[in-house]
Amino acid sequence: MDWVWKAVLTALSVVVLTKLGQHAGRNVAGIVAALPTTTAPSLLWLADEHGSAFAADSAVASVGACAMLAAFALAYAHAARRRGALAALGIALAACAIVALPASAAAVSLASSAGLALAAVAIATQEALLVKHPQSPKAPDAMLAIAAIQAEQGDNGSARNTLEDIIARYPNSEAAGKARTRLASQRR
């Protein structure tokens, strides 16, 4: 298939899904934005041109790239509320670029790609709670969950920063007590 047709068909699918999302409301628009509108046709074209094994390896890499999508969406959600759409786009693209290296490294196997993607989604879910409901009584626990995921992924610096942030933001919470305990055990 000619590359021009591929580009036109992909763009057309994005336009159709975007219009659908606009008419169905913001939640549906968000779900539609995450649909594999480029991944699905790309994998079909890769299989046609390079064979099924090549497309399968590409699919494994795309699983890890879901972490990039989560980083992009989360950064955009944070920034758009404070800085406007264009600045948010730049910030989100930078967040996506930061996650590109771990996503590339995880692409060696389906298990590592899936692990990275699931960790990113878990963090994004907790962060979304913090963005939408920063004063929620569950906010300190959401941050504690983020710190645990960061530590499990080997990102001890970020985990330590998150634990310190819990103590600073919610000093009298049960989560702050747990954060102090975890920080003390890290220093031993």
N, C-alpha and C. Protein backbone atom coordinates (compact mmCIF):
# COMPACT_ATOMS: atom_id res chain seq x y z
N MET A 1 0.85 -1.18 0.00
CA MET A 1 0.00 0.00 0.00
C MET A 1 0.89 1.24 0.00
N ASP A 2 0.58 2.18 -0.81
CA ASP A 2 1.35 3.40 -0.95
C ASP A 2 1.31 4.20 0.35
N TRP A 3 2.43 4.84 0.72
CA TRP A 3 2.51 5.56 1.98
C TRP A 3 1.52 6.72 2.06
N VAL A 4 1.17 7.33 0.93
CA VAL A 4 0.21 8.42 0.94
C VAL A 4 -1.16 7.91 1.39
N TRP A 5 -1.57 6.75 0.87
CA TRP A 5 -2.85 6.17 1.28
C TRP A 5 -2.83 5.80 2.76
N LYS A 6 -1.71 5.29 3.23
CA LYS A 6 -1.59 4.95 4.64
C LYS A 6 -1.79 6.19 5.51
N ALA A 7 -1.13 7.26 5.13
CA ALA A 7 -1.25 8.51 5.90
C ALA A 7 -2.67 9.05 5.85
N VAL A 8 -3.29 9.02 4.68
CA VAL A 8 -4.65 9.53 4.54
C VAL A 8 -5.63 8.70 5.35
N LEU A 9 -5.51 7.38 5.28
CA LEU A 9 -6.42 6.51 6.02
C LEU A 9 -6.24 6.69 7.54
N THR A 10 -5.01 6.81 7.98
CA THR A 10 -4.76 7.01 9.41
C THR A 10 -5.33 8.35 9.86
N ALA A 11 -5.06 9.40 9.09
CA ALA A 11 -5.59 10.73 9.44
C ALA A 11 -7.11 10.74 9.44
N LEU A 12 -7.70 10.07 8.47
CA LEU A 12 -9.16 10.01 8.41
C LEU A 12 -9.73 9.30 9.63
N SER A 13 -9.10 8.22 10.07
CA SER A 13 -9.60 7.52 11.26
C SER A 13 -9.49 8.40 12.49
N VAL A 14 -8.42 9.19 12.60
CA VAL A 14 -8.26 10.11 13.73
C VAL A 14 -9.36 11.17 13.70
N VAL A 15 -9.64 11.73 12.53
CA VAL A 15 -10.68 12.76 12.41
C VAL A 15 -12.05 12.20 12.79
N VAL A 16 -12.38 11.02 12.28
CA VAL A 16 -13.68 10.41 12.58
C VAL A 16 -13.83 10.16 14.07
N LEU A 17 -12.79 9.58 14.69
CA LEU A 17 -12.87 9.29 16.11
C LEU A 17 -12.89 10.56 16.96
N THR A 18 -12.18 11.59 16.54
CA THR A 18 -12.19 12.85 17.26
C THR A 18 -13.58 13.49 17.22
N LYS A 19 -14.19 13.48 16.06
CA LYS A 19 -15.56 14.03 15.94
C LYS A 19 -16.52 13.23 16.82
N LEU A 20 -16.38 11.92 16.82
CA LEU A 20 -17.22 11.07 17.67
C LEU A 20 -17.04 11.46 19.14
N GLY A 21 -15.79 11.61 19.56
CA GLY A 21 -15.50 11.98 20.94
C GLY A 21 -16.05 13.34 21.31
N GLN A 22 -15.98 14.31 20.39
CA GLN A 22 -16.48 15.65 20.66
C GLN A 22 -17.99 15.64 20.91
N HIS A 23 -18.69 14.82 20.18
CA HIS A 23 -20.15 14.78 20.32
C HIS A 23 -20.60 13.95 21.52
N ALA A 24 -19.75 13.07 22.01
CA ALA A 24 -20.14 12.16 23.08
C ALA A 24 -19.75 12.67 24.47
N GLY A 25 -18.99 13.74 24.57
CA GLY A 25 -18.60 14.27 25.88
C GLY A 25 -17.14 14.03 26.19
N ARG A 26 -16.65 14.68 27.26
CA ARG A 26 -15.22 14.66 27.56
C ARG A 26 -14.67 13.30 27.96
N ASN A 27 -15.44 12.50 28.70
CA ASN A 27 -14.94 11.18 29.08
C ASN A 27 -14.76 10.29 27.87
N VAL A 28 -15.75 10.28 26.99
CA VAL A 28 -15.65 9.48 25.77
C VAL A 28 -14.53 10.03 24.88
N ALA A 29 -14.40 11.35 24.82
CA ALA A 29 -13.33 11.95 24.02
C ALA A 29 -11.96 11.50 24.53
N GLY A 30 -11.80 11.42 25.84
CA GLY A 30 -10.53 10.93 26.40
C GLY A 30 -10.26 9.49 26.06
N ILE A 31 -11.29 8.67 26.11
CA ILE A 31 -11.13 7.25 25.76
C ILE A 31 -10.82 7.11 24.28
N VAL A 32 -11.53 7.87 23.46
CA VAL A 32 -11.30 7.83 22.02
C VAL A 32 -9.87 8.28 21.69
N ALA A 33 -9.37 9.29 22.42
CA ALA A 33 -8.01 9.77 22.18
C ALA A 33 -6.97 8.69 22.41
N ALA A 34 -7.27 7.73 23.26
CA ALA A 34 -6.30 6.67 23.57
C ALA A 34 -6.48 5.43 22.72
N LEU A 35 -7.46 5.43 21.84
CA LEU A 35 -7.65 4.26 20.98
C LEU A 35 -6.44 4.08 20.06
N PRO A 36 -6.18 2.86 19.66
CA PRO A 36 -5.00 2.61 18.81
C PRO A 36 -5.24 3.00 17.34
N THR A 37 -5.55 4.28 17.12
CA THR A 37 -5.86 4.74 15.77
C THR A 37 -4.66 4.71 14.84
N THR A 38 -3.46 4.82 15.40
CA THR A 38 -2.27 4.68 14.56
C THR A 38 -1.61 3.32 14.75
N THR A 39 -1.70 2.76 15.94
CA THR A 39 -1.05 1.48 16.21
C THR A 39 -1.65 0.35 15.39
N ALA A 40 -2.96 0.25 15.37
CA ALA A 40 -3.60 -0.87 14.64
C ALA A 40 -3.28 -0.86 13.16
N PRO A 41 -3.48 0.27 12.45
CA PRO A 41 -3.13 0.23 11.03
C PRO A 41 -1.63 0.03 10.81
N SER A 42 -0.82 0.64 11.68
CA SER A 42 0.64 0.49 11.53
C SER A 42 1.07 -0.96 11.64
N LEU A 43 0.52 -1.69 12.62
CA LEU A 43 0.87 -3.10 12.78
C LEU A 43 0.42 -3.92 11.58
N LEU A 44 -0.74 -3.61 11.04
CA LEU A 44 -1.20 -4.31 9.83
C LEU A 44 -0.26 -4.06 8.66
N TRP A 45 0.13 -2.80 8.48
CA TRP A 45 1.03 -2.47 7.38
C TRP A 45 2.41 -3.07 7.58
N LEU A 46 2.90 -3.08 8.83
CA LEU A 46 4.20 -3.71 9.10
C LEU A 46 4.15 -5.21 8.82
N ALA A 47 3.06 -5.86 9.20
CA ALA A 47 2.93 -7.30 8.92
C ALA A 47 2.90 -7.55 7.43
N ASP A 48 2.19 -6.70 6.69
CA ASP A 48 2.10 -6.87 5.25
C ASP A 48 3.47 -6.68 4.59
N GLU A 49 4.23 -5.70 5.05
CA GLU A 49 5.50 -5.36 4.41
C GLU A 49 6.69 -6.15 4.93
N HIS A 50 6.67 -6.53 6.22
CA HIS A 50 7.86 -7.15 6.83
C HIS A 50 7.60 -8.51 7.46
N GLY A 51 6.36 -8.93 7.49
CA GLY A 51 6.03 -10.23 8.06
C GLY A 51 5.46 -10.14 9.46
N SER A 52 4.82 -11.23 9.87
CA SER A 52 4.13 -11.27 11.16
C SER A 52 5.07 -11.16 12.35
N ALA A 53 6.25 -11.78 12.26
CA ALA A 53 7.20 -11.74 13.39
C ALA A 53 7.65 -10.30 13.66
N PHE A 54 7.93 -9.57 12.60
CA PHE A 54 8.34 -8.17 12.74
C PHE A 54 7.22 -7.36 13.40
N ALA A 55 5.99 -7.57 12.93
CA ALA A 55 4.85 -6.85 13.50
C ALA A 55 4.62 -7.24 14.95
N ALA A 56 4.84 -8.52 15.28
CA ALA A 56 4.67 -8.97 16.67
C ALA A 56 5.70 -8.30 17.58
N ASP A 57 6.95 -8.21 17.14
CA ASP A 57 7.96 -7.51 17.93
C ASP A 57 7.61 -6.04 18.09
N SER A 58 7.08 -5.45 17.04
CA SER A 58 6.65 -4.06 17.10
C SER A 58 5.50 -3.89 18.09
N ALA A 59 4.61 -4.86 18.14
CA ALA A 59 3.48 -4.81 19.08
C ALA A 59 3.98 -4.85 20.52
N VAL A 60 5.00 -5.68 20.78
CA VAL A 60 5.58 -5.75 22.13
C VAL A 60 6.14 -4.37 22.52
N ALA A 61 6.83 -3.73 21.58
CA ALA A 61 7.37 -2.40 21.86
C ALA A 61 6.25 -1.40 22.10
N SER A 62 5.13 -1.57 21.40
CA SER A 62 4.03 -0.62 21.59
C SER A 62 3.38 -0.77 22.96
N VAL A 63 3.49 -1.95 23.57
CA VAL A 63 2.96 -2.13 24.93
C VAL A 63 3.75 -1.25 25.90
N GLY A 64 5.07 -1.28 25.78
CA GLY A 64 5.90 -0.42 26.63
C GLY A 64 5.66 1.05 26.35
N ALA A 65 5.34 1.36 25.10
CA ALA A 65 5.07 2.75 24.73
C ALA A 65 3.79 3.28 25.39
N CYS A 66 2.97 2.39 25.90
CA CYS A 66 1.78 2.84 26.65
C CYS A 66 2.21 3.68 27.85
N ALA A 67 3.39 3.41 28.39
CA ALA A 67 3.90 4.23 29.49
C ALA A 67 4.14 5.66 29.00
N MET A 68 4.57 5.78 27.75
CA MET A 68 4.77 7.11 27.18
C MET A 68 3.44 7.84 27.05
N LEU A 69 2.41 7.12 26.64
CA LEU A 69 1.08 7.72 26.53
C LEU A 69 0.58 8.17 27.90
N ALA A 70 0.80 7.35 28.91
CA ALA A 70 0.37 7.72 30.26
C ALA A 70 1.12 8.97 30.73
N ALA A 71 2.43 9.02 30.49
CA ALA A 71 3.22 10.20 30.90
C ALA A 71 2.74 11.45 30.15
N PHE A 72 2.48 11.29 28.85
CA PHE A 72 2.00 12.41 28.05
C PHE A 72 0.66 12.93 28.59
N ALA A 73 -0.29 12.03 28.78
CA ALA A 73 -1.63 12.43 29.21
C ALA A 73 -1.59 13.07 30.60
N LEU A 74 -0.83 12.48 31.50
CA LEU A 74 -0.75 13.00 32.86
C LEU A 74 -0.11 14.39 32.88
N ALA A 75 1.00 14.55 32.15
CA ALA A 75 1.66 15.86 32.10
C ALA A 75 0.76 16.90 31.46
N TYR A 76 0.05 16.51 30.41
CA TYR A 76 -0.87 17.44 29.76
C TYR A 76 -1.98 17.87 30.72
N ALA A 77 -2.55 16.90 31.43
CA ALA A 77 -3.63 17.21 32.38
C ALA A 77 -3.15 18.19 33.45
N HIS A 78 -1.95 17.97 33.97
CA HIS A 78 -1.40 18.87 34.99
C HIS A 78 -1.17 20.27 34.41
N ALA A 79 -0.50 20.33 33.28
CA ALA A 79 -0.07 21.61 32.72
C ALA A 79 -1.22 22.41 32.10
N ALA A 80 -2.17 21.75 31.48
CA ALA A 80 -3.24 22.47 30.79
C ALA A 80 -4.09 23.30 31.75
N ARG A 81 -4.20 22.85 32.98
CA ARG A 81 -5.00 23.58 33.97
C ARG A 81 -4.31 24.88 34.40
N ARG A 82 -3.00 24.96 34.22
CA ARG A 82 -2.26 26.11 34.73
C ARG A 82 -1.62 26.97 33.63
N ARG A 83 -1.31 26.34 32.48
CA ARG A 83 -0.47 27.05 31.52
C ARG A 83 -1.06 27.18 30.12
N GLY A 84 -2.19 26.60 29.84
CA GLY A 84 -2.78 26.68 28.51
C GLY A 84 -2.39 25.52 27.63
N ALA A 85 -3.08 25.39 26.52
CA ALA A 85 -2.96 24.21 25.66
C ALA A 85 -1.58 24.08 25.01
N LEU A 86 -1.03 25.15 24.47
CA LEU A 86 0.24 25.05 23.76
C LEU A 86 1.39 24.71 24.71
N ALA A 87 1.46 25.37 25.84
CA ALA A 87 2.50 25.06 26.82
C ALA A 87 2.33 23.63 27.34
N ALA A 88 1.08 23.24 27.57
CA ALA A 88 0.81 21.89 28.04
C ALA A 88 1.28 20.85 27.03
N LEU A 89 1.10 21.13 25.76
CA LEU A 89 1.55 20.21 24.72
C LEU A 89 3.07 20.04 24.78
N GLY A 90 3.79 21.13 24.92
CA GLY A 90 5.25 21.06 25.02
C GLY A 90 5.71 20.29 26.25
N ILE A 91 5.08 20.55 27.37
CA ILE A 91 5.42 19.86 28.62
C ILE A 91 5.11 18.36 28.50
N ALA A 92 3.96 18.06 27.91
CA ALA A 92 3.57 16.65 27.74
C ALA A 92 4.51 15.92 26.80
N LEU A 93 4.94 16.58 25.73
CA LEU A 93 5.89 15.95 24.82
C LEU A 93 7.24 15.70 25.51
N ALA A 94 7.65 16.63 26.38
CA ALA A 94 8.89 16.44 27.14
C ALA A 94 8.76 15.24 28.09
N ALA A 95 7.61 15.12 28.75
CA ALA A 95 7.39 13.98 29.65
C ALA A 95 7.42 12.67 28.87
N CYS A 96 6.83 12.70 27.70
CA CYS A 96 6.82 11.52 26.84
C CYS A 96 8.26 11.15 26.44
N ALA A 97 9.06 12.14 26.10
CA ALA A 97 10.44 11.89 25.70
C ALA A 97 11.26 11.30 26.85
N ILE A 98 10.98 11.73 28.07
CA ILE A 98 11.70 11.21 29.24
C ILE A 98 11.41 9.72 29.42
N VAL A 99 10.20 9.32 29.14
CA VAL A 99 9.80 7.91 29.32
C VAL A 99 10.22 7.06 28.12
N ALA A 100 10.66 7.69 27.03
CA ALA A 100 11.02 6.94 25.83
C ALA A 100 12.17 5.96 26.07
N LEU A 101 13.18 6.35 26.82
CA LEU A 101 14.31 5.46 27.07
C LEU A 101 13.91 4.22 27.86
N PRO A 102 13.20 4.36 28.99
CA PRO A 102 12.74 3.15 29.68
C PRO A 102 11.81 2.29 28.81
N ALA A 103 10.97 2.93 28.01
CA ALA A 103 10.07 2.18 27.13
C ALA A 103 10.87 1.39 26.10
N SER A 104 11.90 2.01 25.58
CA SER A 104 12.75 1.33 24.60
C SER A 104 13.49 0.15 25.24
N ALA A 105 13.99 0.36 26.45
CA ALA A 105 14.68 -0.72 27.16
C ALA A 105 13.74 -1.87 27.50
N ALA A 106 12.49 -1.54 27.80
CA ALA A 106 11.52 -2.56 28.17
C ALA A 106 11.03 -3.37 26.98
N ALA A 107 11.27 -2.87 25.78
CA ALA A 107 10.75 -3.51 24.57
C ALA A 107 11.37 -4.87 24.26
N VAL A 108 12.31 -5.32 25.08
CA VAL A 108 12.96 -6.61 24.81
C VAL A 108 12.03 -7.80 25.05
N SER A 109 11.03 -7.62 25.89
CA SER A 109 10.10 -8.73 26.14
C SER A 109 8.72 -8.19 26.46
N LEU A 110 7.73 -9.04 26.24
CA LEU A 110 6.36 -8.64 26.54
C LEU A 110 6.19 -8.40 28.04
N ALA A 111 6.82 -9.24 28.86
CA ALA A 111 6.69 -9.09 30.31
C ALA A 111 7.24 -7.74 30.79
N SER A 112 8.43 -7.36 30.31
CA SER A 112 8.99 -6.08 30.76
C SER A 112 8.20 -4.90 30.20
N SER A 113 7.74 -5.01 28.95
CA SER A 113 6.91 -3.94 28.38
C SER A 113 5.61 -3.79 29.15
N ALA A 114 4.98 -4.91 29.45
CA ALA A 114 3.71 -4.88 30.19
C ALA A 114 3.94 -4.35 31.61
N GLY A 115 5.03 -4.75 32.25
CA GLY A 115 5.33 -4.26 33.60
C GLY A 115 5.49 -2.76 33.63
N LEU A 116 6.22 -2.22 32.66
CA LEU A 116 6.39 -0.77 32.60
C LEU A 116 5.06 -0.08 32.33
N ALA A 117 4.30 -0.60 31.40
CA ALA A 117 3.00 0.00 31.06
C ALA A 117 2.05 -0.03 32.26
N LEU A 118 1.99 -1.15 32.95
CA LEU A 118 1.10 -1.27 34.10
C LEU A 118 1.53 -0.34 35.24
N ALA A 119 2.83 -0.23 35.46
CA ALA A 119 3.32 0.68 36.50
C ALA A 119 2.96 2.12 36.14
N ALA A 120 3.13 2.48 34.88
CA ALA A 120 2.80 3.85 34.45
C ALA A 120 1.32 4.13 34.60
N VAL A 121 0.49 3.17 34.25
CA VAL A 121 -0.96 3.35 34.38
C VAL A 121 -1.34 3.45 35.86
N ALA A 122 -0.71 2.64 36.70
CA ALA A 122 -1.02 2.70 38.14
C ALA A 122 -0.64 4.07 38.71
N ILE A 123 0.51 4.57 38.33
CA ILE A 123 0.93 5.90 38.81
C ILE A 123 -0.01 6.96 38.25
N ALA A 124 -0.33 6.87 36.96
CA ALA A 124 -1.21 7.87 36.35
C ALA A 124 -2.59 7.87 37.01
N THR A 125 -3.08 6.70 37.38
CA THR A 125 -4.38 6.60 38.04
C THR A 125 -4.35 7.33 39.39
N GLN A 126 -3.30 7.11 40.15
CA GLN A 126 -3.16 7.79 41.45
C GLN A 126 -2.96 9.29 41.25
N GLU A 127 -2.15 9.66 40.26
CA GLU A 127 -1.92 11.08 39.98
C GLU A 127 -3.21 11.76 39.54
N ALA A 128 -4.04 11.06 38.77
CA ALA A 128 -5.31 11.63 38.33
C ALA A 128 -6.19 11.96 39.53
N LEU A 129 -6.18 11.09 40.53
CA LEU A 129 -6.92 11.36 41.75
C LEU A 129 -6.41 12.64 42.40
N LEU A 130 -5.08 12.79 42.43
CA LEU A 130 -4.49 13.98 43.05
C LEU A 130 -4.82 15.25 42.27
N VAL A 131 -4.88 15.15 40.94
CA VAL A 131 -5.18 16.32 40.11
C VAL A 131 -6.64 16.73 40.30
N LYS A 132 -7.53 15.75 40.25
CA LYS A 132 -8.96 16.06 40.34
C LYS A 132 -9.41 16.39 41.76
N HIS A 133 -8.79 15.74 42.74
CA HIS A 133 -9.23 15.88 44.14
C HIS A 133 -8.04 16.04 45.07
N PRO A 134 -7.31 17.16 44.97
CA PRO A 134 -6.09 17.31 45.79
C PRO A 134 -6.36 17.36 47.29
N GLN A 135 -7.57 17.73 47.68
CA GLN A 135 -7.89 17.80 49.10
C GLN A 135 -8.60 16.55 49.61
N SER A 136 -8.70 15.54 48.77
CA SER A 136 -9.36 14.30 49.17
C SER A 136 -8.63 13.65 50.34
N PRO A 137 -9.37 13.05 51.25
CA PRO A 137 -8.71 12.32 52.34
C PRO A 137 -7.89 11.13 51.81
N LYS A 138 -8.15 10.72 50.57
CA LYS A 138 -7.40 9.61 49.98
C LYS A 138 -6.12 10.07 49.29
N ALA A 139 -5.91 11.37 49.17
CA ALA A 139 -4.73 11.89 48.47
C ALA A 139 -3.41 11.40 49.07
N PRO A 140 -3.23 11.45 50.41
CA PRO A 140 -1.96 10.96 50.96
C PRO A 140 -1.72 9.48 50.65
N ASP A 141 -2.80 8.67 50.68
CA ASP A 141 -2.65 7.25 50.37
C ASP A 141 -2.31 7.04 48.90
N ALA A 142 -2.87 7.90 48.03
CA ALA A 142 -2.54 7.82 46.60
C ALA A 142 -1.05 8.10 46.40
N MET A 143 -0.54 9.09 47.10
CA MET A 143 0.88 9.41 46.99
C MET A 143 1.74 8.28 47.55
N LEU A 144 1.28 7.65 48.62
CA LEU A 144 2.01 6.52 49.20
C LEU A 144 2.06 5.36 48.19
N ALA A 145 0.97 5.14 47.47
CA ALA A 145 0.94 4.09 46.43
C ALA A 145 1.91 4.44 45.31
N ILE A 146 1.96 5.71 44.94
CA ILE A 146 2.91 6.13 43.89
C ILE A 146 4.34 5.85 44.33
N ALA A 147 4.66 6.19 45.57
CA ALA A 147 6.01 5.95 46.08
C ALA A 147 6.36 4.47 46.07
N ALA A 148 5.40 3.63 46.41
CA ALA A 148 5.64 2.18 46.40
C ALA A 148 5.92 1.68 44.99
N ILE A 149 5.16 2.17 44.02
CA ILE A 149 5.38 1.75 42.63
C ILE A 149 6.73 2.25 42.14
N GLN A 150 7.06 3.49 42.48
CA GLN A 150 8.36 4.03 42.07
C GLN A 150 9.50 3.20 42.65
N ALA A 151 9.39 2.83 43.91
CA ALA A 151 10.44 2.02 44.54
C ALA A 151 10.52 0.64 43.90
N GLU A 152 9.37 0.05 43.61
CA GLU A 152 9.36 -1.27 42.99
C GLU A 152 9.97 -1.24 41.59
N GLN A 153 9.84 -0.12 40.90
CA GLN A 153 10.42 0.03 39.57
C GLN A 153 11.90 0.41 39.64
N GLY A 154 12.44 0.55 40.86
CA GLY A 154 13.86 0.88 41.02
C GLY A 154 14.15 2.37 40.98
N ASP A 155 13.12 3.19 40.97
CA ASP A 155 13.30 4.64 40.93
C ASP A 155 13.27 5.18 42.37
N ASN A 156 14.32 4.85 43.12
CA ASN A 156 14.36 5.18 44.54
C ASN A 156 14.41 6.68 44.81
N GLY A 157 15.03 7.45 43.92
CA GLY A 157 15.08 8.90 44.10
C GLY A 157 13.69 9.51 44.03
N SER A 158 12.91 9.10 43.04
CA SER A 158 11.54 9.61 42.92
C SER A 158 10.68 9.13 44.09
N ALA A 159 10.88 7.89 44.51
CA ALA A 159 10.12 7.36 45.65
C ALA A 159 10.42 8.18 46.90
N ARG A 160 11.69 8.48 47.12
CA ARG A 160 12.08 9.29 48.28
C ARG A 160 11.45 10.68 48.19
N ASN A 161 11.48 11.30 47.00
CA ASN A 161 10.88 12.62 46.83
C ASN A 161 9.38 12.59 47.11
N THR A 162 8.71 11.54 46.65
CA THR A 162 7.27 11.41 46.88
C THR A 162 6.98 11.25 48.37
N LEU A 163 7.78 10.43 49.05
CA LEU A 163 7.59 10.24 50.49
C LEU A 163 7.81 11.56 51.24
N GLU A 164 8.83 12.31 50.86
CA GLU A 164 9.09 13.60 51.50
C GLU A 164 7.95 14.58 51.22
N ASP A 165 7.38 14.49 50.00
CA ASP A 165 6.26 15.35 49.63
C ASP A 165 5.02 15.03 50.47
N ILE A 166 4.80 13.76 50.75
CA ILE A 166 3.67 13.36 51.60
C ILE A 166 3.81 14.01 52.98
N ILE A 167 5.01 13.93 53.53
CA ILE A 167 5.26 14.48 54.87
C ILE A 167 5.06 15.99 54.87
N ALA A 168 5.51 16.65 53.79
CA ALA A 168 5.38 18.11 53.72
C ALA A 168 3.92 18.54 53.53
N ARG A 169 3.19 17.84 52.68
CA ARG A 169 1.80 18.24 52.37
C ARG A 169 0.79 17.80 53.42
N TYR A 170 1.01 16.61 53.96
CA TYR A 170 0.02 16.01 54.88
C TYR A 170 0.73 15.53 56.15
N PRO A 171 1.36 16.43 56.91
CA PRO A 171 2.22 16.02 58.02
C PRO A 171 1.53 15.21 59.12
N ASN A 172 0.25 15.40 59.31
CA ASN A 172 -0.46 14.72 60.39
C ASN A 172 -1.22 13.49 59.94
N SER A 173 -1.07 13.09 58.68
CA SER A 173 -1.82 11.95 58.16
C SER A 173 -1.14 10.63 58.53
N GLU A 174 -1.92 9.58 58.47
CA GLU A 174 -1.38 8.23 58.69
C GLU A 174 -0.34 7.90 57.62
N ALA A 175 -0.60 8.37 56.40
CA ALA A 175 0.34 8.13 55.30
C ALA A 175 1.69 8.80 55.58
N ALA A 176 1.67 9.97 56.22
CA ALA A 176 2.93 10.65 56.56
C ALA A 176 3.73 9.82 57.55
N GLY A 177 3.04 9.20 58.51
CA GLY A 177 3.73 8.31 59.45
C GLY A 177 4.38 7.14 58.72
N LYS A 178 3.66 6.56 57.77
CA LYS A 178 4.22 5.46 56.99
C LYS A 178 5.39 5.95 56.13
N ALA A 179 5.25 7.16 55.59
CA ALA A 179 6.33 7.73 54.78
C ALA A 179 7.59 7.92 55.62
N ARG A 180 7.42 8.42 56.85
CA ARG A 180 8.59 8.59 57.74
C ARG A 180 9.26 7.25 58.02
N THR A 181 8.45 6.22 58.26
CA THR A 181 8.99 4.87 58.51
C THR A 181 9.77 4.36 57.31
N ARG A 182 9.21 4.53 56.12
CA ARG A 182 9.88 4.05 54.90
C ARG A 182 11.19 4.82 54.66
N LEU A 183 11.15 6.14 54.88
CA LEU A 183 12.37 6.93 54.69
C LEU A 183 13.44 6.50 55.70
N ALA A 184 13.04 6.27 56.94
CA ALA A 184 13.99 5.84 57.97
C ALA A 184 14.61 4.49 57.59
N SER A 185 13.81 3.58 57.05
CA SER A 185 14.34 2.27 56.67
C SER A 185 15.27 2.37 55.45
N GLN A 186 15.06 3.37 54.60
CA GLN A 186 15.94 3.57 53.45
C GLN A 186 17.31 4.10 53.88
N ARG A 187 17.31 4.87 54.97
CA ARG A 187 18.56 5.48 55.41
C ARG A 187 19.46 4.50 56.15
N ARG A 188 18.91 3.37 56.58
CA ARG A 188 19.72 2.40 57.34
C ARG A 188 20.67 1.67 56.46
